[in-house]
N, C-alpha and C. Protein backbone atom coordinates (compact mmCIF):
# COMPACT_ATOMS: atom_id res chain seq x y z
N UNK A 1 6.32 17.39 36.73
CA UNK A 1 5.45 18.43 35.92
C UNK A 1 4.30 18.28 35.73
N UNK A 2 3.70 19.38 36.50
CA UNK A 2 2.02 19.50 36.71
C UNK A 2 1.29 20.13 35.51
N UNK A 3 0.70 19.71 34.87
CA UNK A 3 -0.11 20.46 34.08
C UNK A 3 -1.83 20.75 34.27
N UNK A 4 -2.15 22.32 34.69
CA UNK A 4 -3.58 22.33 35.40
C UNK A 4 -4.63 22.34 34.42
N UNK A 5 -5.54 21.74 34.54
CA UNK A 5 -6.16 21.57 33.12
C UNK A 5 -7.26 22.95 33.00
N UNK A 6 -7.90 23.18 33.76
CA UNK A 6 -9.16 24.34 34.01
C UNK A 6 -8.08 25.68 33.92
N UNK A 7 -6.89 25.57 34.75
CA UNK A 7 -6.08 27.08 34.35
C UNK A 7 -5.73 26.89 33.16
N UNK A 8 -5.63 26.44 32.27
CA UNK A 8 -4.74 26.57 31.03
C UNK A 8 -6.42 26.83 30.34
N UNK A 9 -7.47 26.27 30.63
CA UNK A 9 -8.32 26.44 29.66
C UNK A 9 -9.04 27.82 29.73
N UNK A 10 -9.44 27.76 31.49
CA UNK A 10 -10.09 28.89 31.77
C UNK A 10 -9.04 30.53 32.00
N UNK A 11 -8.52 29.93 32.87
CA UNK A 11 -7.89 31.05 33.75
C UNK A 11 -6.59 31.71 32.32
N UNK A 12 -6.16 30.81 31.85
CA UNK A 12 -5.18 31.30 30.77
C UNK A 12 -5.59 31.08 29.51
N UNK A 13 -7.03 31.71 29.21
CA UNK A 13 -7.69 31.30 27.74
C UNK A 13 -7.09 32.32 26.85
N UNK A 14 -6.43 31.98 25.98
CA UNK A 14 -5.90 32.45 25.18
C UNK A 14 -6.60 33.77 24.22
N UNK A 15 -7.90 33.50 24.31
CA UNK A 15 -9.29 34.64 23.53
C UNK A 15 -9.14 35.48 25.00
N UNK A 16 -9.54 34.95 25.80
CA UNK A 16 -10.36 35.85 26.89
C UNK A 16 -9.15 36.26 28.03
N UNK A 17 -8.00 35.86 28.02
CA UNK A 17 -7.25 36.38 29.26
C UNK A 17 -6.24 37.22 28.49
N UNK A 18 -5.09 36.55 27.23
CA UNK A 18 -4.42 37.42 26.15
C UNK A 18 -4.63 38.24 25.53
N UNK A 19 -5.96 37.94 25.19
CA UNK A 19 -6.56 38.33 23.98
C UNK A 19 -5.98 38.55 22.81
N UNK A 20 -5.63 37.06 22.20
CA UNK A 20 -4.74 36.80 21.08
C UNK A 20 -5.96 36.11 19.94
N UNK A 21 -5.48 36.53 19.06
CA UNK A 21 -5.95 35.49 17.32
C UNK A 21 -7.16 36.31 17.47
N UNK A 22 -8.07 37.90 17.64
CA UNK A 22 -9.05 38.53 17.56
C UNK A 22 -9.70 38.53 16.30
N UNK A 23 -8.95 38.51 15.64
CA UNK A 23 -9.39 38.68 14.12
C UNK A 23 -10.22 37.71 13.58
N UNK A 24 -9.94 36.34 13.49
CA UNK A 24 -10.73 35.28 13.18
C UNK A 24 -11.89 35.07 14.45
N UNK A 25 -11.57 35.02 15.58
CA UNK A 25 -12.71 34.97 16.20
C UNK A 25 -13.72 35.83 16.15
N UNK A 26 -13.76 37.47 15.78
CA UNK A 26 -14.93 38.09 15.65
C UNK A 26 -15.26 38.15 14.61
N UNK A 27 -14.66 37.25 13.15
CA UNK A 27 -15.20 37.41 11.79
C UNK A 27 -15.56 36.11 11.74
N UNK A 28 -15.53 35.39 12.01
CA UNK A 28 -15.89 33.68 11.83
C UNK A 28 -16.82 33.56 12.46
N UNK A 29 -17.25 33.84 13.46
CA UNK A 29 -18.25 33.38 14.77
C UNK A 29 -19.69 33.98 14.66
N UNK A 30 -20.03 34.01 13.32
CA UNK A 30 -21.13 34.32 13.00
C UNK A 30 -22.42 33.07 13.19
N UNK A 31 -21.51 32.33 13.29
CA UNK A 31 -22.68 31.18 13.41
C UNK A 31 -22.20 30.03 14.19
N UNK A 32 -22.80 29.36 15.60
CA UNK A 32 -21.76 28.10 16.00
C UNK A 32 -21.36 27.46 15.44
N UNK A 33 -21.69 26.87 13.99
CA UNK A 33 -21.02 25.67 13.40
C UNK A 33 -19.81 26.25 13.00
N UNK A 34 -19.81 27.32 12.39
CA UNK A 34 -18.52 28.28 12.08
C UNK A 34 -17.45 28.27 12.49
N UNK A 35 -17.91 28.61 13.82
CA UNK A 35 -17.10 28.97 15.33
C UNK A 35 -16.42 27.75 15.92
N UNK A 36 -16.95 26.14 15.64
CA UNK A 36 -16.46 24.90 16.09
C UNK A 36 -16.01 24.51 14.80
N UNK A 37 -16.27 24.99 13.59
CA UNK A 37 -15.23 24.50 12.89
C UNK A 37 -13.87 25.17 12.81
N UNK A 38 -13.74 26.52 12.93
CA UNK A 38 -12.35 26.64 13.05
C UNK A 38 -11.53 26.35 14.43
N UNK A 39 -12.82 26.26 15.49
CA UNK A 39 -11.96 25.65 16.52
C UNK A 39 -11.42 24.51 16.55
N UNK A 40 -12.03 23.61 15.39
CA UNK A 40 -11.46 22.00 15.39
C UNK A 40 -10.09 22.36 14.87
N UNK A 41 -10.37 23.22 13.51
CA UNK A 41 -8.81 23.30 13.04
C UNK A 41 -7.90 23.87 14.05
N UNK A 42 -7.87 24.94 14.46
CA UNK A 42 -6.69 25.64 15.40
C UNK A 42 -6.35 24.14 16.50
N UNK A 43 -7.17 23.66 16.71
CA UNK A 43 -6.62 22.44 18.00
C UNK A 43 -6.27 21.53 16.78
N UNK A 44 -6.37 21.22 15.52
CA UNK A 44 -5.43 20.36 15.01
C UNK A 44 -4.34 21.03 14.75
N UNK A 45 -4.08 21.88 14.36
CA UNK A 45 -2.82 22.77 13.95
C UNK A 45 -2.26 22.85 15.11
N UNK A 46 -2.56 23.00 16.30
CA UNK A 46 -1.86 23.52 17.70
C UNK A 46 -0.98 22.18 18.19
N UNK A 47 -1.80 21.48 17.64
CA UNK A 47 -1.06 19.90 18.43
C UNK A 47 -0.10 19.08 17.64
N UNK A 48 -0.32 19.48 16.26
CA UNK A 48 0.71 19.08 15.30
C UNK A 48 1.61 19.78 15.20
N UNK A 49 1.56 21.25 14.89
CA UNK A 49 2.71 22.00 15.39
C UNK A 49 3.55 22.06 16.37
N UNK A 50 3.05 21.79 18.06
CA UNK A 50 3.57 21.70 19.13
C UNK A 50 4.26 20.18 18.95
N UNK A 51 3.66 19.10 18.72
CA UNK A 51 4.45 18.32 18.34
C UNK A 51 5.57 18.03 17.54
N UNK A 52 5.52 18.59 16.28
CA UNK A 52 6.82 18.90 15.63
C UNK A 52 7.80 19.67 15.89
N UNK A 53 7.12 20.70 16.22
CA UNK A 53 8.31 21.75 16.70
C UNK A 53 8.93 21.21 18.11
N UNK A 54 8.48 20.88 19.23
CA UNK A 54 9.02 20.12 20.27
C UNK A 54 10.05 19.18 19.70
N UNK A 55 9.74 18.37 18.81
CA UNK A 55 10.78 17.25 18.28
C UNK A 55 12.02 17.60 17.64
N UNK A 56 11.91 18.92 17.16
CA UNK A 56 12.78 19.39 16.51
C UNK A 56 13.65 20.71 17.14
N UNK A 57 13.08 21.09 18.27
CA UNK A 57 13.64 22.14 19.12
C UNK A 57 15.24 22.49 19.14
N UNK A 58 15.54 21.39 19.74
CA UNK A 58 17.13 20.97 19.90
C UNK A 58 17.99 21.76 18.80
N UNK A 59 17.24 21.39 17.42
CA UNK A 59 18.23 21.64 16.09
C UNK A 59 18.19 23.10 15.97
N UNK A 60 16.83 23.38 16.46
CA UNK A 60 16.80 25.01 15.75
C UNK A 60 17.59 26.26 16.13
N UNK A 61 18.39 27.15 14.90
CA UNK A 61 18.72 28.08 15.83
C UNK A 61 18.18 29.13 16.35
N UNK A 62 18.56 29.72 17.32
CA UNK A 62 17.39 30.85 18.43
C UNK A 62 17.22 32.20 16.96
N UNK A 63 18.21 32.13 16.34
CA UNK A 63 18.07 33.53 15.30
C UNK A 63 17.11 33.06 14.11
N UNK A 64 17.11 31.84 13.73
CA UNK A 64 15.85 31.42 12.63
C UNK A 64 14.95 30.41 13.28
N UNK A 65 14.49 30.79 14.67
CA UNK A 65 13.06 30.14 15.55
C UNK A 65 11.85 30.81 14.80
N UNK A 66 11.92 32.05 14.42
CA UNK A 66 10.61 32.56 13.90
C UNK A 66 10.61 31.52 12.43
N UNK A 67 11.19 32.01 11.52
CA UNK A 67 10.67 31.72 10.26
C UNK A 67 10.60 30.07 10.56
N UNK A 68 11.69 29.39 11.07
CA UNK A 68 11.32 27.73 11.13
C UNK A 68 9.93 27.32 11.65
N UNK A 69 9.32 27.97 12.59
CA UNK A 69 8.33 28.10 13.23
C UNK A 69 6.93 28.44 12.09
N UNK A 70 7.27 29.31 11.07
CA UNK A 70 6.35 29.67 10.42
C UNK A 70 6.21 28.84 9.23
N UNK A 71 7.13 28.20 8.79
CA UNK A 71 7.38 26.95 7.74
C UNK A 71 6.38 25.80 8.16
N UNK A 72 6.99 25.24 9.64
CA UNK A 72 6.10 24.45 10.24
C UNK A 72 4.49 24.60 10.32
N UNK A 73 4.22 25.83 10.71
CA UNK A 73 2.86 26.34 11.07
C UNK A 73 2.04 26.20 9.42
N UNK A 74 2.67 26.88 8.49
CA UNK A 74 1.92 26.83 7.20
C UNK A 74 1.95 25.33 6.45
N UNK A 75 2.98 24.61 6.51
CA UNK A 75 2.62 23.67 5.98
C UNK A 75 1.43 22.55 6.47
N UNK A 76 1.34 22.71 7.86
CA UNK A 76 0.06 21.70 8.34
C UNK A 76 -1.13 22.77 8.59
N UNK A 77 -1.02 23.90 8.48
CA UNK A 77 -2.20 24.67 7.67
C UNK A 77 -2.64 24.12 6.63
N UNK A 78 -1.71 24.29 5.64
CA UNK A 78 -2.27 23.94 4.17
C UNK A 78 -2.86 22.62 4.04
N UNK A 79 -2.08 21.69 4.79
CA UNK A 79 -2.78 20.44 4.59
C UNK A 79 -4.27 20.34 5.00
N UNK A 80 -4.42 21.16 6.39
CA UNK A 80 -6.07 20.96 6.78
C UNK A 80 -6.70 21.61 5.69
N UNK A 81 -6.35 22.88 5.27
CA UNK A 81 -7.23 23.55 3.78
C UNK A 81 -7.56 22.67 3.18
N UNK A 82 -6.47 22.03 2.49
CA UNK A 82 -6.81 20.89 1.20
C UNK A 82 -7.90 19.91 1.83
N UNK A 83 -7.63 19.31 3.16
CA UNK A 83 -8.61 18.47 3.32
C UNK A 83 -9.76 18.85 3.58
N UNK A 84 -9.95 19.96 4.28
CA UNK A 84 -11.07 20.74 4.43
C UNK A 84 -12.32 21.08 3.18
N UNK A 85 -11.08 21.53 2.00
CA UNK A 85 -11.64 21.66 0.66
C UNK A 85 -12.47 20.57 0.01
N UNK A 86 -11.67 19.43 0.41
CA UNK A 86 -12.01 18.19 -0.29
C UNK A 86 -12.93 17.32 0.24
N UNK A 87 -13.27 17.25 1.64
CA UNK A 87 -14.18 16.36 2.27
C UNK A 87 -15.51 17.38 3.39
N UNK A 88 -15.15 18.61 3.41
CA UNK A 88 -16.20 19.35 3.67
C UNK A 88 -15.96 20.74 3.07
N UNK A 89 -16.40 20.67 2.23
CA UNK A 89 -16.03 22.12 1.10
C UNK A 89 -17.09 23.04 1.26
N UNK A 90 -18.62 22.74 2.04
CA UNK A 90 -19.19 23.86 2.14
C UNK A 90 -18.93 24.36 3.71
N UNK A 91 -18.33 23.89 4.58
CA UNK A 91 -17.67 24.82 5.42
C UNK A 91 -16.46 25.53 5.27
N UNK A 92 -15.28 24.88 4.63
CA UNK A 92 -14.44 25.62 3.84
C UNK A 92 -14.84 26.97 3.22
N UNK A 93 -15.93 26.82 2.57
CA UNK A 93 -16.52 27.96 2.03
C UNK A 93 -16.52 28.86 2.83
N UNK A 94 -17.54 28.28 3.83
CA UNK A 94 -17.70 29.27 5.06
C UNK A 94 -16.79 30.10 5.97
N UNK A 95 -15.73 29.44 5.85
CA UNK A 95 -14.43 30.10 6.68
C UNK A 95 -13.97 30.56 6.30
N UNK A 96 -13.66 30.41 4.65
CA UNK A 96 -13.06 31.05 3.66
C UNK A 96 -11.65 31.21 3.93
N UNK A 97 -10.73 32.63 4.10
CA UNK A 97 -10.04 32.95 4.01
C UNK A 97 -9.36 32.44 5.31
N UNK A 98 -10.02 32.25 6.42
CA UNK A 98 -9.54 32.65 7.81
C UNK A 98 -8.98 31.20 8.17
N UNK A 99 -8.94 29.95 7.40
CA UNK A 99 -8.27 29.01 7.26
C UNK A 99 -7.24 29.01 7.00
N UNK A 100 -6.84 29.86 5.99
CA UNK A 100 -4.98 29.86 5.59
C UNK A 100 -4.58 30.84 6.53
N UNK A 101 -5.39 31.68 7.01
CA UNK A 101 -4.97 32.95 7.90
C UNK A 101 -4.61 32.42 9.50
N UNK A 102 -4.82 31.25 9.63
CA UNK A 102 -4.45 30.70 10.89
C UNK A 102 -2.85 30.79 11.04
N UNK A 103 -2.54 30.44 10.03
CA UNK A 103 -1.01 30.58 9.96
C UNK A 103 -0.09 31.94 10.70
N UNK A 104 -0.96 32.90 10.49
CA UNK A 104 -0.29 34.30 10.93
C UNK A 104 -1.17 34.46 12.57
N UNK A 105 -1.73 33.22 12.86
CA UNK A 105 -2.83 33.31 14.01
C UNK A 105 -1.95 33.87 15.34
N UNK A 106 -1.69 34.83 16.10
CA UNK A 106 -0.68 34.75 17.32
C UNK A 106 -1.19 33.64 18.50
N UNK A 107 -2.30 32.94 18.36
CA UNK A 107 -2.48 31.60 19.45
C UNK A 107 -1.17 30.79 19.08
N UNK A 108 -1.05 30.25 18.04
CA UNK A 108 -0.26 29.02 17.24
C UNK A 108 1.34 29.57 17.40
N UNK A 109 1.41 31.08 17.08
CA UNK A 109 3.03 31.22 17.43
C UNK A 109 3.23 31.63 19.00
N UNK A 110 2.44 32.24 19.99
CA UNK A 110 2.31 32.08 21.23
C UNK A 110 3.14 30.78 21.82
N UNK A 111 2.15 29.68 21.29
CA UNK A 111 2.31 28.48 21.86
C UNK A 111 3.63 27.76 21.18
N UNK A 112 3.79 28.35 20.11
CA UNK A 112 4.95 27.22 19.45
C UNK A 112 6.31 28.17 20.33
N UNK A 113 6.45 29.76 20.80
CA UNK A 113 7.08 30.19 21.40
C UNK A 113 7.50 29.57 22.75
N UNK A 114 6.27 28.88 23.29
CA UNK A 114 6.16 28.66 25.13
C UNK A 114 7.62 27.12 24.65
N UNK A 115 7.23 26.70 23.58
CA UNK A 115 7.75 25.20 23.64
C UNK A 115 8.92 25.12 24.27
N UNK A 116 9.78 25.52 23.67
CA UNK A 116 11.66 25.54 24.24
C UNK A 116 11.30 25.58 26.06
N UNK A 117 10.27 26.03 26.77
CA UNK A 117 10.40 25.99 27.92
C UNK A 117 9.49 24.60 28.55
N UNK A 118 9.39 23.71 27.62
CA UNK A 118 8.66 22.42 28.15
C UNK A 118 10.27 21.34 27.77
N UNK A 119 9.60 20.49 28.53
CA UNK A 119 10.76 19.33 28.56
C UNK A 119 10.38 18.18 27.93
N UNK A 120 8.87 17.76 27.53
CA UNK A 120 8.66 16.66 26.80
C UNK A 120 7.70 16.88 26.02
N UNK A 121 8.20 16.01 24.71
CA UNK A 121 7.28 16.61 23.60
C UNK A 121 5.65 16.08 24.05
N UNK A 122 5.33 15.25 24.84
CA UNK A 122 4.16 14.90 25.52
C UNK A 122 3.51 16.23 25.80
N UNK A 123 4.32 16.73 26.72
CA UNK A 123 3.64 17.83 27.56
C UNK A 123 3.58 18.96 26.56
N UNK A 124 4.29 19.02 25.80
CA UNK A 124 3.96 20.44 24.32
C UNK A 124 2.66 19.85 23.68
N UNK A 125 2.36 18.68 23.60
CA UNK A 125 0.91 17.96 22.87
C UNK A 125 -0.12 18.41 23.65
N UNK A 126 -0.12 17.87 25.33
CA UNK A 126 -0.91 18.36 26.06
C UNK A 126 -1.58 19.95 26.04
N UNK A 127 -0.16 20.32 25.86
CA UNK A 127 -0.39 21.87 26.44
C UNK A 127 -1.15 22.51 25.00
N UNK A 128 -0.65 22.05 23.81
CA UNK A 128 -1.65 22.68 22.82
C UNK A 128 -3.00 22.08 22.50
N UNK A 129 -2.96 21.06 23.02
CA UNK A 129 -4.52 20.32 23.00
C UNK A 129 -5.29 21.35 24.03
N UNK A 130 -4.89 21.58 25.09
CA UNK A 130 -5.49 22.81 26.04
C UNK A 130 -5.58 24.00 25.55
N UNK A 131 -4.72 24.09 24.86
CA UNK A 131 -5.05 26.00 24.52
C UNK A 131 -6.00 26.12 23.72
N UNK A 132 -6.07 24.95 22.90
CA UNK A 132 -6.75 24.78 21.48
C UNK A 132 -8.22 24.49 21.92
N UNK A 133 -8.27 23.81 23.05
CA UNK A 133 -9.83 23.65 23.82
C UNK A 133 -10.48 25.51 24.46
N UNK A 134 -9.20 25.77 24.83
CA UNK A 134 -9.83 27.21 25.51
C UNK A 134 -10.10 28.16 24.22
N UNK A 135 -9.38 28.06 23.28
CA UNK A 135 -9.82 29.15 22.12
C UNK A 135 -10.92 28.71 21.48
N UNK A 136 -11.38 27.34 21.60
CA UNK A 136 -12.81 26.90 20.67
C UNK A 136 -13.73 27.02 21.76
N UNK A 137 -13.53 26.97 23.02
CA UNK A 137 -14.58 26.95 24.10
C UNK A 137 -15.09 28.73 23.88
N UNK A 138 -14.05 29.63 23.90
CA UNK A 138 -14.39 30.95 23.44
C UNK A 138 -14.91 31.47 22.14
N UNK A 139 -14.36 30.72 21.02
CA UNK A 139 -14.95 30.92 19.83
C UNK A 139 -16.80 30.61 19.46
N UNK A 140 -17.26 28.96 20.33
CA UNK A 140 -18.39 28.60 20.46
C UNK A 140 -19.18 29.42 21.51
N UNK A 141 -18.61 29.82 22.25
CA UNK A 141 -19.88 30.65 23.16
C UNK A 141 -20.10 31.89 22.39
N UNK A 142 -19.09 32.47 21.74
CA UNK A 142 -19.17 33.85 21.06
C UNK A 142 -20.30 33.57 19.80
N UNK A 143 -20.10 32.35 19.20
CA UNK A 143 -20.71 31.84 17.79
C UNK A 143 -22.17 31.90 18.11
N UNK A 144 -22.58 31.04 19.24
CA UNK A 144 -23.69 30.69 19.76
C UNK A 144 -24.58 31.86 20.38
N UNK A 145 -23.61 32.74 21.15
CA UNK A 145 -24.75 34.07 21.28
C UNK A 145 -24.90 34.84 20.35
N UNK A 146 -24.02 35.21 19.18
CA UNK A 146 -24.40 35.75 17.78
C UNK A 146 -25.21 34.95 17.08
N UNK A 147 -25.14 33.46 16.99
CA UNK A 147 -26.04 33.21 16.05
C UNK A 147 -27.51 33.55 16.45
N UNK A 148 -28.01 33.15 18.12
CA UNK A 148 -29.09 33.10 18.63
C UNK A 148 -29.35 34.35 18.40
N UNK A 149 -28.97 35.87 18.92
CA UNK A 149 -29.28 37.03 18.81
C UNK A 149 -29.66 37.36 17.42
N UNK A 150 -28.58 37.04 16.77
CA UNK A 150 -28.66 37.80 14.84
C UNK A 150 -29.53 36.95 13.81
N UNK A 151 -29.69 35.79 13.96
CA UNK A 151 -30.45 34.95 13.53
C UNK A 151 -31.67 34.04 14.11
N UNK A 152 -31.75 34.04 15.11
CA UNK A 152 -32.80 33.26 15.96
C UNK A 152 -32.54 32.15 16.10
N UNK A 153 -31.65 31.34 15.67
CA UNK A 153 -31.23 29.79 15.58
C UNK A 153 -29.78 29.36 16.10
N UNK A 154 -29.57 28.41 16.41
CA UNK A 154 -28.44 27.85 16.82
C UNK A 154 -28.01 26.49 16.13
N UNK A 155 -26.77 26.61 15.95
CA UNK A 155 -25.95 25.23 14.93
C UNK A 155 -26.60 25.22 13.50
N UNK A 156 -26.65 26.29 12.69
CA UNK A 156 -27.29 26.25 11.49
C UNK A 156 -26.35 25.60 10.91
N UNK A 157 -26.81 24.90 9.83
CA UNK A 157 -25.69 23.82 8.99
C UNK A 157 -24.59 23.14 9.36
N UNK A 158 -24.96 22.79 10.61
CA UNK A 158 -23.83 21.94 11.45
C UNK A 158 -23.92 20.73 11.03
N UNK A 159 -24.78 20.03 9.67
CA UNK A 159 -24.40 19.00 9.15
C UNK A 159 -22.98 19.28 8.52
N UNK A 160 -22.76 20.58 7.51
CA UNK A 160 -21.56 20.67 7.11
C UNK A 160 -20.25 20.30 7.79
N UNK A 161 -20.26 20.25 9.19
CA UNK A 161 -19.28 20.34 9.93
C UNK A 161 -19.11 18.53 10.62
N UNK A 162 -19.94 18.07 11.11
CA UNK A 162 -20.63 16.79 11.94
C UNK A 162 -21.22 15.76 10.97
N UNK A 163 -21.84 16.27 10.09
CA UNK A 163 -22.56 15.08 8.89
C UNK A 163 -23.79 15.62 9.75
N UNK A 164 -25.07 14.37 8.66
CA UNK A 164 -26.36 14.41 9.14
C UNK A 164 -26.83 14.20 10.49
N UNK A 165 -25.99 13.14 11.00
CA UNK A 165 -26.43 12.85 11.83
C UNK A 165 -26.63 13.84 13.28
N UNK A 166 -26.02 14.73 13.55
CA UNK A 166 -26.14 15.92 14.35
C UNK A 166 -26.99 16.75 14.10
N UNK A 167 -27.79 16.37 12.94
CA UNK A 167 -28.69 17.98 12.85
C UNK A 167 -29.64 17.87 14.16
N UNK A 168 -29.70 17.08 15.03
CA UNK A 168 -30.67 17.38 16.05
C UNK A 168 -30.37 18.69 17.08
N UNK A 169 -28.64 19.03 16.68
CA UNK A 169 -28.07 20.29 17.49
C UNK A 169 -28.87 21.43 17.11
N UNK A 170 -29.64 21.39 15.77
CA UNK A 170 -29.97 22.61 14.91
C UNK A 170 -31.55 23.10 15.72
N UNK A 171 -31.41 24.22 16.21
CA UNK A 171 -32.98 24.52 16.76
C UNK A 171 -33.16 26.06 16.26
N UNK A 172 -34.38 26.68 16.00
CA UNK A 172 -34.76 27.63 15.43
C UNK A 172 -35.61 28.31 16.61
N UNK A 173 -35.28 29.33 17.23
CA UNK A 173 -36.06 30.17 18.11
C UNK A 173 -37.14 31.15 17.64
N UNK A 174 -37.06 31.58 16.47
CA UNK A 174 -37.57 32.53 15.62
C UNK A 174 -37.75 32.48 14.54
N UNK A 175 -39.21 32.72 14.08
CA UNK A 175 -39.06 32.53 12.42
C UNK A 175 -38.39 33.97 11.45
N UNK A 176 -37.10 34.41 11.58
CA UNK A 176 -36.65 35.69 11.32
C UNK A 176 -35.47 35.13 10.53
N UNK A 177 -35.02 35.63 9.72
CA UNK A 177 -33.46 35.67 9.01
C UNK A 177 -32.65 36.87 9.78
N UNK A 178 -33.09 37.96 10.22
CA UNK A 178 -32.25 39.08 10.89
C UNK A 178 -33.04 39.18 12.07
N UNK A 179 -32.89 38.70 13.25
CA UNK A 179 -33.60 38.98 14.82
C UNK A 179 -32.92 40.00 15.45
N UNK A 180 -31.39 40.27 15.48
CA UNK A 180 -31.07 41.32 15.99
C UNK A 180 -29.76 41.68 15.02
N UNK A 181 -29.82 42.57 13.83
CA UNK A 181 -28.70 42.63 12.96
C UNK A 181 -27.42 42.77 13.36
N UNK A 182 -27.21 43.57 14.42
CA UNK A 182 -26.07 44.18 14.98
C UNK A 182 -25.26 42.78 15.31
N UNK A 183 -25.79 41.89 15.67
CA UNK A 183 -25.10 41.02 16.43
C UNK A 183 -24.40 39.77 15.33
N UNK A 184 -24.94 40.27 13.99
CA UNK A 184 -24.12 39.12 13.02
C UNK A 184 -23.10 40.23 12.47
N UNK A 185 -22.90 41.51 12.76
CA UNK A 185 -22.09 42.44 12.06
C UNK A 185 -20.71 42.51 13.26
N UNK A 186 -19.63 42.68 12.99
CA UNK A 186 -18.60 42.81 13.88
C UNK A 186 -18.31 43.63 14.94
N UNK A 187 -19.23 44.91 14.64
CA UNK A 187 -19.32 45.72 16.09
C UNK A 187 -20.10 44.83 17.41
N UNK A 188 -21.01 43.76 16.85
CA UNK A 188 -21.55 43.11 17.85
C UNK A 188 -20.82 42.13 18.10
N UNK A 189 -19.86 41.61 17.58
CA UNK A 189 -19.29 40.77 17.81
C UNK A 189 -18.05 40.83 19.17
N UNK A 190 -17.55 42.14 18.69
CA UNK A 190 -17.08 43.13 19.63
C UNK A 190 -17.68 43.15 20.95
N UNK A 191 -18.65 43.54 21.10
CA UNK A 191 -19.65 44.25 21.90
C UNK A 191 -20.03 42.58 22.95
N UNK A 192 -20.23 41.62 22.63
CA UNK A 192 -20.73 40.02 22.64
C UNK A 192 -19.52 39.51 23.87
N UNK A 193 -18.17 39.75 22.74
CA UNK A 193 -17.08 39.53 23.40
C UNK A 193 -16.54 40.42 24.72
N UNK A 194 -17.00 41.70 24.62
CA UNK A 194 -16.71 42.10 25.77
C UNK A 194 -17.38 41.88 27.20
N UNK A 195 -18.75 41.57 27.01
CA UNK A 195 -19.43 41.03 27.72
C UNK A 195 -18.97 39.73 28.33
N UNK A 196 -18.40 39.04 27.57
CA UNK A 196 -17.95 37.65 27.79
C UNK A 196 -16.53 37.92 28.86
N UNK A 197 -15.85 39.01 28.63
CA UNK A 197 -14.60 39.51 29.53
C UNK A 197 -14.88 39.85 30.79
N UNK A 198 -16.17 40.32 30.73
CA UNK A 198 -16.72 41.22 31.86
C UNK A 198 -16.83 40.00 33.22
N UNK A 199 -17.40 38.68 32.12
CA UNK A 199 -18.16 37.58 32.90
C UNK A 199 -16.99 36.79 33.73
N UNK A 200 -15.84 36.75 32.87
CA UNK A 200 -14.68 36.22 33.38
C UNK A 200 -14.53 37.07 34.07
N UNK A 201 -14.12 37.92 34.23
CA UNK A 201 -13.62 39.02 35.84
C UNK A 201 -14.43 38.54 36.55
N UNK A 202 -15.73 38.71 36.78
CA UNK A 202 -16.63 38.42 37.80
C UNK A 202 -16.38 36.63 38.49
N UNK A 203 -16.18 35.99 37.57
CA UNK A 203 -15.76 34.56 38.07
C UNK A 203 -14.38 34.79 38.74
N UNK A 204 -14.26 34.40 39.94
CA UNK A 204 -13.22 34.48 40.68
C UNK A 204 -12.57 33.35 40.21
N UNK A 205 -10.98 33.66 40.18
CA UNK A 205 -10.06 32.62 39.54
C UNK A 205 -9.68 31.44 40.71
N UNK A 206 -9.80 32.13 41.74
CA UNK A 206 -9.77 30.98 43.01
C UNK A 206 -10.62 30.21 43.25
N UNK A 207 -12.02 30.32 42.70
CA UNK A 207 -13.18 29.01 42.44
C UNK A 207 -12.50 28.06 41.56
N UNK A 208 -12.05 28.44 40.49
CA UNK A 208 -11.62 27.75 39.43
C UNK A 208 -10.52 26.71 40.09
N UNK A 209 -9.72 27.11 40.66
CA UNK A 209 -8.45 26.74 40.94
C UNK A 209 -8.71 25.62 41.94
N UNK A 210 -9.61 25.71 43.00
CA UNK A 210 -10.04 24.98 43.73
C UNK A 210 -10.79 23.39 43.42
N UNK A 211 -11.50 23.70 41.80
CA UNK A 211 -11.68 22.34 41.50
C UNK A 211 -10.99 21.96 40.30
N UNK A 212 -9.78 22.39 40.26
CA UNK A 212 -8.83 21.99 39.35
C UNK A 212 -8.17 20.65 38.97
N UNK A 213 -8.04 20.08 37.97
CA UNK A 213 -7.71 18.79 37.77
C UNK A 213 -6.15 19.18 36.99
N UNK A 214 -5.25 18.15 37.67
CA UNK A 214 -4.13 18.32 37.55
C UNK A 214 -3.35 16.76 36.95
N UNK A 215 -2.76 16.96 35.59
CA UNK A 215 -1.85 16.19 35.25
C UNK A 215 -0.61 15.99 35.58
N UNK A 216 0.13 14.69 36.30
CA UNK A 216 1.17 15.04 36.69
C UNK A 216 2.17 14.18 35.86
N UNK A 217 3.69 14.56 35.59
CA UNK A 217 4.56 14.18 34.55
C UNK A 217 5.76 13.91 35.72
N UNK A 218 6.33 13.02 35.38
CA UNK A 218 7.54 12.58 36.42
C UNK A 218 8.83 13.12 35.44
């Protein structure tokens, strides 16, 4: 079985291709740090839920699969929410209710539904990781653009996520708390997301396929 890395991250990007999970993407990406924090949380949830569901998929009745998926996803998200509250409280406060709302994120549920087509748990884990990377990439790019345009900074409060050793990532472009106010608001997020969608359409998928890395599974 073959897993195409760039195909999963770019061409089949859940945010820029399937337009799934847009509520947290538009709400939380007011800064690059928040986007990265939500992205990391999404990756962890995807990998853990994919692994658990892949292991138990043969014992899940078809009629009950969605409720069981939701129980697994909510359990994993609750654990991550409690860990963030304990060890990264400032980030937890910034992300707010959107950590808990990962439970209802269509990206997670869509990935869980795809697991029944996978033969091995390792394949499900890798696919979950790549889907999470794609979602994080989209959120991070959106967060960077919104923060630069809206606040004139990039990676503000990055120490809340990665610690003080990563303060070098923070940069201030302009001395203003509100450079282009619209970028920090939901309509601005939708506008910038639309521009990203246009850019993705302009980049030919064939050029990505030529440089794709493939993981082979026997």
